[in-house]
Amino acid sequence: MPHYVFVCQDCHKDFTEVLHISELSTTRVKCPHCGSEHVEQQYAEFSAVTAKKS
């Protein structure tokens, strides 16, 4: 499942949540540090491994 990075707008700490893509729009994500629901998703870098093409 994908990992999503969030930052809390109240305590300014970042954290990672593992959510299914369908859960992202329906789950109320809470900051694990202060319990606030005032969080914003951050866009993280990713890499993809593909087969070498000749």
N, C-alpha and C. Protein backbone atom coordinates (compact mmCIF):
# COMPACT_ATOMS: atom_id res chain seq x y z
N MET A 1 0.84 -1.18 0.00
CA MET A 1 0.00 0.00 0.00
C MET A 1 0.89 1.25 0.00
N PRO A 2 0.39 2.32 -0.55
CA PRO A 2 1.18 3.55 -0.62
C PRO A 2 1.38 4.20 0.75
N HIS A 3 2.50 4.87 0.87
CA HIS A 3 2.82 5.66 2.06
C HIS A 3 2.56 7.12 1.72
N TYR A 4 1.86 7.82 2.59
CA TYR A 4 1.56 9.23 2.38
C TYR A 4 2.20 10.04 3.50
N VAL A 5 2.82 11.15 3.15
CA VAL A 5 3.47 12.03 4.11
C VAL A 5 2.54 13.21 4.38
N PHE A 6 2.34 13.50 5.67
CA PHE A 6 1.50 14.61 6.09
C PHE A 6 2.31 15.51 7.02
N VAL A 7 1.91 16.78 7.11
CA VAL A 7 2.48 17.69 8.09
C VAL A 7 1.32 18.29 8.87
N CYS A 8 1.47 18.33 10.18
CA CYS A 8 0.45 18.89 11.05
C CYS A 8 0.55 20.41 11.02
N GLN A 9 -0.57 21.07 10.81
CA GLN A 9 -0.60 22.53 10.75
C GLN A 9 -0.58 23.15 12.15
N ASP A 10 -0.80 22.34 13.20
CA ASP A 10 -0.79 22.85 14.57
C ASP A 10 0.58 22.69 15.24
N CYS A 11 1.15 21.47 15.21
CA CYS A 11 2.44 21.26 15.88
C CYS A 11 3.61 21.26 14.90
N HIS A 12 3.32 21.32 13.59
CA HIS A 12 4.32 21.43 12.52
C HIS A 12 5.25 20.22 12.41
N LYS A 13 4.80 19.06 12.89
CA LYS A 13 5.59 17.84 12.75
C LYS A 13 5.06 17.05 11.56
N ASP A 14 5.98 16.33 10.90
CA ASP A 14 5.54 15.51 9.78
C ASP A 14 5.47 14.05 10.20
N PHE A 15 4.64 13.29 9.49
CA PHE A 15 4.45 11.88 9.80
C PHE A 15 3.98 11.16 8.55
N THR A 16 4.10 9.85 8.56
CA THR A 16 3.73 9.02 7.42
C THR A 16 2.56 8.12 7.79
N GLU A 17 1.61 8.00 6.88
CA GLU A 17 0.48 7.09 7.05
C GLU A 17 0.48 6.12 5.87
N VAL A 18 0.16 4.87 6.13
CA VAL A 18 0.04 3.86 5.09
C VAL A 18 -1.46 3.66 4.85
N LEU A 19 -1.93 4.08 3.68
CA LEU A 19 -3.35 4.01 3.36
C LEU A 19 -3.54 3.44 1.97
N HIS A 20 -4.62 2.70 1.80
CA HIS A 20 -5.02 2.28 0.46
C HIS A 20 -5.48 3.53 -0.27
N ILE A 21 -5.29 3.60 -1.57
CA ILE A 21 -5.62 4.80 -2.33
C ILE A 21 -7.09 5.19 -2.16
N SER A 22 -7.98 4.21 -1.99
CA SER A 22 -9.40 4.52 -1.80
C SER A 22 -9.68 5.09 -0.41
N GLU A 23 -8.82 4.81 0.56
CA GLU A 23 -8.98 5.33 1.91
C GLU A 23 -8.55 6.79 2.04
N LEU A 24 -7.72 7.24 1.13
CA LEU A 24 -7.15 8.58 1.23
C LEU A 24 -8.23 9.66 1.27
N SER A 25 -9.27 9.52 0.48
CA SER A 25 -10.31 10.55 0.43
C SER A 25 -11.38 10.37 1.51
N THR A 26 -11.43 9.21 2.16
CA THR A 26 -12.48 8.96 3.15
C THR A 26 -11.98 8.91 4.59
N THR A 27 -10.69 8.80 4.80
CA THR A 27 -10.13 8.68 6.15
C THR A 27 -9.78 10.05 6.71
N ARG A 28 -10.17 10.30 7.95
CA ARG A 28 -9.79 11.54 8.63
C ARG A 28 -8.45 11.29 9.30
N VAL A 29 -7.39 11.80 8.70
CA VAL A 29 -6.05 11.57 9.20
C VAL A 29 -5.80 12.50 10.39
N LYS A 30 -5.29 11.92 11.49
CA LYS A 30 -4.98 12.69 12.69
C LYS A 30 -3.48 12.65 12.94
N CYS A 31 -2.96 13.75 13.44
CA CYS A 31 -1.54 13.83 13.80
C CYS A 31 -1.29 12.89 14.99
N PRO A 32 -0.30 11.99 14.88
CA PRO A 32 -0.01 11.09 15.99
C PRO A 32 0.68 11.79 17.15
N HIS A 33 1.19 13.00 16.93
CA HIS A 33 1.90 13.74 17.97
C HIS A 33 0.95 14.53 18.86
N CYS A 34 -0.02 15.25 18.26
CA CYS A 34 -0.92 16.11 19.05
C CYS A 34 -2.39 15.77 18.88
N GLY A 35 -2.74 14.87 17.94
CA GLY A 35 -4.12 14.46 17.75
C GLY A 35 -4.95 15.38 16.86
N SER A 36 -4.34 16.42 16.32
CA SER A 36 -5.06 17.37 15.48
C SER A 36 -5.45 16.74 14.14
N GLU A 37 -6.60 17.13 13.62
CA GLU A 37 -7.02 16.73 12.28
C GLU A 37 -6.65 17.79 11.26
N HIS A 38 -5.98 18.84 11.68
CA HIS A 38 -5.58 19.94 10.80
C HIS A 38 -4.23 19.58 10.17
N VAL A 39 -4.26 18.63 9.23
CA VAL A 39 -3.05 18.13 8.58
C VAL A 39 -3.13 18.36 7.08
N GLU A 40 -1.98 18.44 6.46
CA GLU A 40 -1.90 18.66 5.02
C GLU A 40 -0.99 17.61 4.40
N GLN A 41 -1.44 17.04 3.30
CA GLN A 41 -0.64 16.03 2.61
C GLN A 41 0.51 16.70 1.89
N GLN A 42 1.69 16.11 2.03
CA GLN A 42 2.88 16.57 1.33
C GLN A 42 3.16 15.60 0.19
N TYR A 43 3.73 16.10 -0.85
CA TYR A 43 4.06 15.23 -1.98
C TYR A 43 5.50 14.77 -1.83
N ALA A 44 5.67 13.47 -1.77
CA ALA A 44 6.98 12.86 -1.56
C ALA A 44 7.54 12.35 -2.87
N GLU A 45 8.85 12.27 -2.91
CA GLU A 45 9.51 11.71 -4.09
C GLU A 45 9.32 10.19 -4.10
N PHE A 46 9.37 9.63 -5.27
CA PHE A 46 9.32 8.18 -5.38
C PHE A 46 10.17 7.77 -6.57
N SER A 47 10.50 6.49 -6.60
CA SER A 47 11.25 5.97 -7.75
C SER A 47 10.57 4.68 -8.19
N ALA A 48 10.70 4.41 -9.45
CA ALA A 48 10.12 3.19 -10.01
C ALA A 48 11.22 2.38 -10.67
N VAL A 49 11.22 1.11 -10.40
CA VAL A 49 12.20 0.21 -10.99
C VAL A 49 11.51 -0.49 -12.15
N THR A 50 12.12 -0.38 -13.32
CA THR A 50 11.56 -1.02 -14.51
C THR A 50 12.61 -1.92 -15.13
N ALA A 51 12.16 -2.78 -15.99
CA ALA A 51 13.08 -3.67 -16.69
C ALA A 51 13.93 -2.87 -17.67
N LYS A 52 15.17 -3.29 -17.81
CA LYS A 52 16.06 -2.62 -18.75
C LYS A 52 15.61 -2.95 -20.18
N LYS A 53 15.46 -1.92 -20.97
CA LYS A 53 15.05 -2.12 -22.36
C LYS A 53 16.28 -2.07 -23.26
N SER A 54 16.28 -2.91 -24.26
CA SER A 54 17.44 -2.94 -25.16
C SER A 54 17.13 -2.35 -26.50
